[in-house]
Amino acid sequence: MNRAQEIKQVAHQLMLEKGYSGFSYADIAAVIGIQKASIHYHFPSKDNLVQSVLQDYRRSASDSLRKFEDTAANPRGKLENYFAYWADRLANEPTHICLCAMLASENSILPEEAQCEIQAHFEEMRKWIQSVLQEAQEQGMLFPCHLSLEAEAASILAVVHGGMLAARAYRDKQQFTMVTEALLHKIMRHQA
């Protein structure tokens, strides 16, 4: 790992723990054991650093979605993989929620570039969930719903992120697992 990657990794962790406004270059420098000037060399401003971290996060999330697709036998399996990914992360450390969900709570103080990255992340997640629901509907696995697939996907995304926040607040991943399992049971059959 090079220095820029190390800086981004520490910044990511600090944002999960403290949010955007709760960390500084001094915090990063203290963790790594370098001077703040070394951070400024790679990232002239905190805004540059946060945008780079969010871009990396979005790439990683896209890679994860492809893995969920590749390792699932059906649409239900894709959502199960998505939920299991977060349940596993929360089991290891309840504060490790979605970085974009964490930062969205500070949206009013974020730089515009970060706001755009976060919005794009949520849009990509919603579209992926919507495509999984479309596939489930075509295969006869989706229970009838009076919502559009777009609205259903948005509500699933809200439940996932709400479950993360509950798991964080309670420091208990079961809070996440409880709501995602209930959700999946309500919306989709095991098989067509």
C-alpha atoms as a PDB file:
ATOM      1  CA  MET A   1       0.000   0.000   0.000  1.00  0.00           C
ATOM      2  CA  ASN A   2       1.384   3.392  -0.938  1.00  0.00           C
ATOM      3  CA  ARG A   3       1.181   6.506   1.247  1.00  0.00           C
ATOM      4  CA  ALA A   4      -1.859   7.995  -0.528  1.00  0.00           C
ATOM      5  CA  GLN A   5      -3.781   4.737  -0.072  1.00  0.00           C
ATOM      6  CA  GLU A   6      -2.777   4.599   3.580  1.00  0.00           C
ATOM      7  CA  ILE A   7      -3.994   8.171   4.102  1.00  0.00           C
ATOM      8  CA  LYS A   8      -7.316   7.353   2.428  1.00  0.00           C
ATOM      9  CA  GLN A   9      -7.737   4.191   4.483  1.00  0.00           C
ATOM     10  CA  VAL A  10      -7.225   6.096   7.740  1.00  0.00           C
ATOM     11  CA  ALA A  11      -9.510   8.930   6.571  1.00  0.00           C
ATOM     12  CA  HIS A  12     -12.210   6.381   5.720  1.00  0.00           C
ATOM     13  CA  GLN A  13     -11.972   4.854   9.187  1.00  0.00           C
ATOM     14  CA  LEU A  14     -12.015   8.248  10.891  1.00  0.00           C
ATOM     15  CA  MET A  15     -15.070   9.335   8.904  1.00  0.00           C
ATOM     16  CA  LEU A  16     -16.896   6.185   9.993  1.00  0.00           C
ATOM     17  CA  GLU A  17     -15.998   6.896  13.600  1.00  0.00           C
ATOM     18  CA  LYS A  18     -16.342  10.682  13.730  1.00  0.00           C
ATOM     19  CA  GLY A  19     -18.013  11.897  10.557  1.00  0.00           C
ATOM     20  CA  TYR A  20     -16.761  14.525   8.132  1.00  0.00           C
ATOM     21  CA  SER A  21     -16.496  17.344  10.628  1.00  0.00           C
ATOM     22  CA  GLY A  22     -14.953  15.190  13.351  1.00  0.00           C
ATOM     23  CA  PHE A  23     -11.584  14.447  11.778  1.00  0.00           C
ATOM     24  CA  SER A  24      -8.632  16.503  10.613  1.00  0.00           C
ATOM     25  CA  TYR A  25      -5.308  16.062   8.885  1.00  0.00           C
ATOM     26  CA  ALA A  26      -3.730  16.179  12.347  1.00  0.00           C
ATOM     27  CA  ASP A  27      -5.751  13.076  13.311  1.00  0.00           C
ATOM     28  CA  ILE A  28      -4.595  11.230  10.198  1.00  0.00           C
ATOM     29  CA  ALA A  29      -0.983  12.290  10.720  1.00  0.00           C
ATOM     30  CA  ALA A  30      -1.089  11.051  14.324  1.00  0.00           C
ATOM     31  CA  VAL A  31      -2.442   7.632  13.320  1.00  0.00           C
ATOM     32  CA  ILE A  32       0.096   7.116  10.528  1.00  0.00           C
ATOM     33  CA  GLY A  33       2.995   8.864  12.222  1.00  0.00           C
ATOM     34  CA  ILE A  34       3.686  11.453   9.522  1.00  0.00           C
ATOM     35  CA  GLN A  35       3.603  15.246   9.217  1.00  0.00           C
ATOM     36  CA  LYS A  36       0.444  17.008   8.015  1.00  0.00           C
ATOM     37  CA  ALA A  37       2.485  18.359   5.101  1.00  0.00           C
ATOM     38  CA  SER A  38       2.838  14.791   3.826  1.00  0.00           C
ATOM     39  CA  ILE A  39      -0.936  14.533   3.633  1.00  0.00           C
ATOM     40  CA  HIS A  40      -1.216  17.907   1.870  1.00  0.00           C
ATOM     41  CA  TYR A  41       1.301  16.656  -0.708  1.00  0.00           C
ATOM     42  CA  HIS A  42      -1.153  13.921  -1.768  1.00  0.00           C
ATOM     43  CA  PHE A  43      -4.402  15.752  -0.995  1.00  0.00           C
ATOM     44  CA  PRO A  44      -4.128  19.565  -1.005  1.00  0.00           C
ATOM     45  CA  SER A  45      -7.432  19.912   0.848  1.00  0.00           C
ATOM     46  CA  LYS A  46      -9.743  17.868   3.018  1.00  0.00           C
ATOM     47  CA  ASP A  47     -12.327  18.151   0.244  1.00  0.00           C
ATOM     48  CA  ASN A  48      -9.902  16.497  -2.219  1.00  0.00           C
ATOM     49  CA  LEU A  49      -9.252  13.696   0.250  1.00  0.00           C
ATOM     50  CA  VAL A  50     -12.924  13.067   1.003  1.00  0.00           C
ATOM     51  CA  GLN A  51     -13.844  13.028  -2.678  1.00  0.00           C
ATOM     52  CA  SER A  52     -11.060  10.522  -3.409  1.00  0.00           C
ATOM     53  CA  VAL A  53     -12.167   8.298  -0.509  1.00  0.00           C
ATOM     54  CA  LEU A  54     -15.756   8.404  -1.756  1.00  0.00           C
ATOM     55  CA  GLN A  55     -14.707   7.570  -5.325  1.00  0.00           C
ATOM     56  CA  ASP A  56     -12.784   4.549  -4.037  1.00  0.00           C
ATOM     57  CA  TYR A  57     -15.758   3.569  -1.902  1.00  0.00           C
ATOM     58  CA  ARG A  58     -18.101   3.725  -4.885  1.00  0.00           C
ATOM     59  CA  ARG A  59     -15.758   1.573  -6.991  1.00  0.00           C
ATOM     60  CA  SER A  60     -15.579  -0.978  -4.189  1.00  0.00           C
ATOM     61  CA  ALA A  61     -19.371  -0.968  -3.827  1.00  0.00           C
ATOM     62  CA  SER A  62     -19.779  -1.576  -7.576  1.00  0.00           C
ATOM     63  CA  ASP A  63     -17.344  -4.487  -7.361  1.00  0.00           C
ATOM     64  CA  SER A  64     -19.345  -5.916  -4.465  1.00  0.00           C
ATOM     65  CA  LEU A  65     -22.592  -5.698  -6.435  1.00  0.00           C
ATOM     66  CA  ARG A  66     -20.983  -7.695  -9.250  1.00  0.00           C
ATOM     67  CA  LYS A  67     -19.895 -10.335  -6.729  1.00  0.00           C
ATOM     68  CA  PHE A  68     -23.423 -10.512  -5.301  1.00  0.00           C
ATOM     69  CA  GLU A  69     -24.679 -11.093  -8.843  1.00  0.00           C
ATOM     70  CA  ASP A  70     -22.043 -13.676  -9.741  1.00  0.00           C
ATOM     71  CA  THR A  71     -22.485 -15.816  -6.633  1.00  0.00           C
ATOM     72  CA  ALA A  72     -26.290 -15.952  -6.500  1.00  0.00           C
ATOM     73  CA  ALA A  73     -28.560 -18.498  -8.132  1.00  0.00           C
ATOM     74  CA  ASN A  74     -31.570 -16.173  -8.226  1.00  0.00           C
ATOM     75  CA  PRO A  75     -32.740 -12.653  -7.342  1.00  0.00           C
ATOM     76  CA  ARG A  76     -33.449 -13.588  -3.728  1.00  0.00           C
ATOM     77  CA  GLY A  77     -29.874 -14.850  -3.440  1.00  0.00           C
ATOM     78  CA  LYS A  78     -28.584 -11.508  -4.730  1.00  0.00           C
ATOM     79  CA  LEU A  79     -30.410  -9.621  -1.988  1.00  0.00           C
ATOM     80  CA  GLU A  80     -29.353 -12.230   0.576  1.00  0.00           C
ATOM     81  CA  ASN A  81     -25.728 -11.685  -0.490  1.00  0.00           C
ATOM     82  CA  TYR A  82     -26.150  -7.911  -0.174  1.00  0.00           C
ATOM     83  CA  PHE A  83     -27.691  -8.208   3.284  1.00  0.00           C
ATOM     84  CA  ALA A  84     -25.133 -10.818   4.408  1.00  0.00           C
ATOM     85  CA  TYR A  85     -22.257  -8.563   3.358  1.00  0.00           C
ATOM     86  CA  TRP A  86     -23.457  -5.842   5.707  1.00  0.00           C
ATOM     87  CA  ALA A  87     -24.405  -8.271   8.474  1.00  0.00           C
ATOM     88  CA  ASP A  88     -20.846  -9.644   8.378  1.00  0.00           C
ATOM     89  CA  ARG A  89     -19.318  -6.154   8.470  1.00  0.00           C
ATOM     90  CA  LEU A  90     -21.541  -5.148  11.365  1.00  0.00           C
ATOM     91  CA  ALA A  91     -20.729  -8.371  13.226  1.00  0.00           C
ATOM     92  CA  ASN A  92     -17.031  -7.545  13.064  1.00  0.00           C
ATOM     93  CA  GLU A  93     -17.502  -3.904  14.043  1.00  0.00           C
ATOM     94  CA  PRO A  94     -20.944  -2.348  14.598  1.00  0.00           C
ATOM     95  CA  THR A  95     -19.643   1.109  13.665  1.00  0.00           C
ATOM     96  CA  HIS A  96     -18.703  -0.021  10.131  1.00  0.00           C
ATOM     97  CA  ILE A  97     -21.828   1.146   8.379  1.00  0.00           C
ATOM     98  CA  CYS A  98     -22.074   2.425   4.817  1.00  0.00           C
ATOM     99  CA  LEU A  99     -19.717   5.397   4.525  1.00  0.00           C
ATOM    100  CA  CYS A 100     -22.163   7.266   2.304  1.00  0.00           C
ATOM    101  CA  ALA A 101     -24.989   6.743   4.812  1.00  0.00           C
ATOM    102  CA  MET A 102     -22.746   8.042   7.575  1.00  0.00           C
ATOM    103  CA  LEU A 103     -21.758  11.137   5.624  1.00  0.00           C
ATOM    104  CA  ALA A 104     -25.261  11.811   4.287  1.00  0.00           C
ATOM    105  CA  SER A 105     -26.261  12.845   7.791  1.00  0.00           C
ATOM    106  CA  GLU A 106     -23.806  15.748   7.419  1.00  0.00           C
ATOM    107  CA  ASN A 107     -24.900  16.653   3.901  1.00  0.00           C
ATOM    108  CA  SER A 108     -25.419  20.345   4.641  1.00  0.00           C
ATOM    109  CA  ILE A 109     -21.742  20.849   5.547  1.00  0.00           C
ATOM    110  CA  LEU A 110     -20.197  18.597   2.900  1.00  0.00           C
ATOM    111  CA  PRO A 111     -18.504  20.040  -0.174  1.00  0.00           C
ATOM    112  CA  GLU A 112     -20.619  19.823  -3.315  1.00  0.00           C
ATOM    113  CA  GLU A 113     -18.338  17.190  -4.869  1.00  0.00           C
ATOM    114  CA  ALA A 114     -18.839  14.901  -1.869  1.00  0.00           C
ATOM    115  CA  GLN A 115     -22.591  15.451  -1.973  1.00  0.00           C
ATOM    116  CA  CYS A 116     -22.590  14.426  -5.644  1.00  0.00           C
ATOM    117  CA  GLU A 117     -20.562  11.271  -4.925  1.00  0.00           C
ATOM    118  CA  ILE A 118     -22.941  10.285  -2.125  1.00  0.00           C
ATOM    119  CA  GLN A 119     -26.024  10.903  -4.234  1.00  0.00           C
ATOM    120  CA  ALA A 120     -24.510   8.888  -7.098  1.00  0.00           C
ATOM    121  CA  HIS A 121     -23.767   6.027  -4.689  1.00  0.00           C
ATOM    122  CA  PHE A 122     -27.350   5.910  -3.440  1.00  0.00           C
ATOM    123  CA  GLU A 123     -28.664   6.095  -6.989  1.00  0.00           C
ATOM    124  CA  GLU A 124     -26.442   3.198  -8.079  1.00  0.00           C
ATOM    125  CA  MET A 125     -27.591   1.099  -5.115  1.00  0.00           C
ATOM    126  CA  ARG A 126     -31.259   1.888  -5.787  1.00  0.00           C
ATOM    127  CA  LYS A 127     -30.935   1.028  -9.479  1.00  0.00           C
ATOM    128  CA  TRP A 128     -29.216  -2.261  -8.651  1.00  0.00           C
ATOM    129  CA  ILE A 129     -31.933  -3.222  -6.173  1.00  0.00           C
ATOM    130  CA  GLN A 130     -34.574  -2.196  -8.704  1.00  0.00           C
ATOM    131  CA  SER A 131     -32.979  -4.450 -11.344  1.00  0.00           C
ATOM    132  CA  VAL A 132     -32.978  -7.355  -8.873  1.00  0.00           C
ATOM    133  CA  LEU A 133     -36.668  -6.726  -8.137  1.00  0.00           C
ATOM    134  CA  GLN A 134     -37.413  -6.582 -11.870  1.00  0.00           C
ATOM    135  CA  GLU A 135     -35.697  -9.933 -12.333  1.00  0.00           C
ATOM    136  CA  ALA A 136     -37.618 -11.387  -9.382  1.00  0.00           C
ATOM    137  CA  GLN A 137     -40.885 -10.094 -10.803  1.00  0.00           C
ATOM    138  CA  GLU A 138     -40.133 -11.645 -14.205  1.00  0.00           C
ATOM    139  CA  GLN A 139     -39.378 -14.974 -12.503  1.00  0.00           C
ATOM    140  CA  GLY A 140     -42.560 -14.864 -10.406  1.00  0.00           C
ATOM    141  CA  MET A 141     -40.628 -14.566  -7.141  1.00  0.00           C
ATOM    142  CA  LEU A 142     -41.761 -11.077  -6.124  1.00  0.00           C
ATOM    143  CA  PHE A 143     -44.915 -10.827  -4.049  1.00  0.00           C
ATOM    144  CA  PRO A 144     -47.478  -8.420  -5.519  1.00  0.00           C
ATOM    145  CA  CYS A 145     -46.928  -4.858  -4.369  1.00  0.00           C
ATOM    146  CA  HIS A 146     -48.822  -1.643  -4.967  1.00  0.00           C
ATOM    147  CA  LEU A 147     -45.605   0.353  -5.289  1.00  0.00           C
ATOM    148  CA  SER A 148     -43.520   0.891  -8.386  1.00  0.00           C
ATOM    149  CA  LEU A 149     -40.301  -1.113  -8.489  1.00  0.00           C
ATOM    150  CA  GLU A 150     -38.418   2.158  -8.102  1.00  0.00           C
ATOM    151  CA  ALA A 151     -40.327   2.991  -4.906  1.00  0.00           C
ATOM    152  CA  GLU A 152     -39.902  -0.557  -3.605  1.00  0.00           C
ATOM    153  CA  ALA A 153     -36.147  -0.393  -4.275  1.00  0.00           C
ATOM    154  CA  ALA A 154     -35.919   2.962  -2.485  1.00  0.00           C
ATOM    155  CA  SER A 155     -37.773   1.545   0.520  1.00  0.00           C
ATOM    156  CA  ILE A 156     -35.439  -1.473   0.634  1.00  0.00           C
ATOM    157  CA  LEU A 157     -32.446   0.847   0.569  1.00  0.00           C
ATOM    158  CA  ALA A 158     -33.976   2.861   3.424  1.00  0.00           C
ATOM    159  CA  VAL A 159     -34.525  -0.304   5.484  1.00  0.00           C
ATOM    160  CA  VAL A 160     -30.938  -1.436   4.880  1.00  0.00           C
ATOM    161  CA  HIS A 161     -29.475   1.877   5.995  1.00  0.00           C
ATOM    162  CA  GLY A 162     -31.921   2.215   8.876  1.00  0.00           C
ATOM    163  CA  GLY A 163     -30.919  -1.278   9.993  1.00  0.00           C
ATOM    164  CA  MET A 164     -27.267  -0.243   9.888  1.00  0.00           C
ATOM    165  CA  LEU A 165     -27.970   2.779  12.068  1.00  0.00           C
ATOM    166  CA  ALA A 166     -29.924   0.655  14.554  1.00  0.00           C
ATOM    167  CA  ALA A 167     -27.088  -1.889  14.682  1.00  0.00           C
ATOM    168  CA  ARG A 168     -24.665   0.950  15.332  1.00  0.00           C
ATOM    169  CA  ALA A 169     -26.839   2.521  18.032  1.00  0.00           C
ATOM    170  CA  TYR A 170     -27.401  -0.793  19.819  1.00  0.00           C
ATOM    171  CA  ARG A 171     -23.922  -2.121  18.975  1.00  0.00           C
ATOM    172  CA  ASP A 172     -25.748  -5.277  17.904  1.00  0.00           C
ATOM    173  CA  LYS A 173     -25.787  -6.637  14.349  1.00  0.00           C
ATOM    174  CA  GLN A 174     -29.003  -8.509  15.126  1.00  0.00           C
ATOM    175  CA  GLN A 175     -30.829  -5.203  14.737  1.00  0.00           C
ATOM    176  CA  PHE A 176     -29.754  -5.198  11.089  1.00  0.00           C
ATOM    177  CA  THR A 177     -30.384  -8.888  10.500  1.00  0.00           C
ATOM    178  CA  MET A 178     -33.838  -8.690  12.074  1.00  0.00           C
ATOM    179  CA  VAL A 179     -35.103  -5.975   9.730  1.00  0.00           C
ATOM    180  CA  THR A 180     -33.488  -7.291   6.547  1.00  0.00           C
ATOM    181  CA  GLU A 181     -34.733 -10.852   7.097  1.00  0.00           C
ATOM    182  CA  ALA A 182     -38.250  -9.561   7.793  1.00  0.00           C
ATOM    183  CA  LEU A 183     -38.097  -7.396   4.686  1.00  0.00           C
ATOM    184  CA  LEU A 184     -36.955 -10.225   2.430  1.00  0.00           C
ATOM    185  CA  HIS A 185     -39.671 -12.515   3.815  1.00  0.00           C
ATOM    186  CA  LYS A 186     -42.326  -9.892   3.014  1.00  0.00           C
ATOM    187  CA  ILE A 187     -41.290  -9.087  -0.538  1.00  0.00           C
ATOM    188  CA  MET A 188     -39.979 -12.263  -2.155  1.00  0.00           C
ATOM    189  CA  ARG A 189     -40.650 -15.982  -2.423  1.00  0.00           C
ATOM    190  CA  HIS A 190     -37.811 -18.468  -1.991  1.00  0.00           C
ATOM    191  CA  GLN A 191     -38.519 -19.858  -5.454  1.00  0.00           C
ATOM    192  CA  ALA A 192     -40.907 -19.140  -8.317  1.00  0.00           C
END
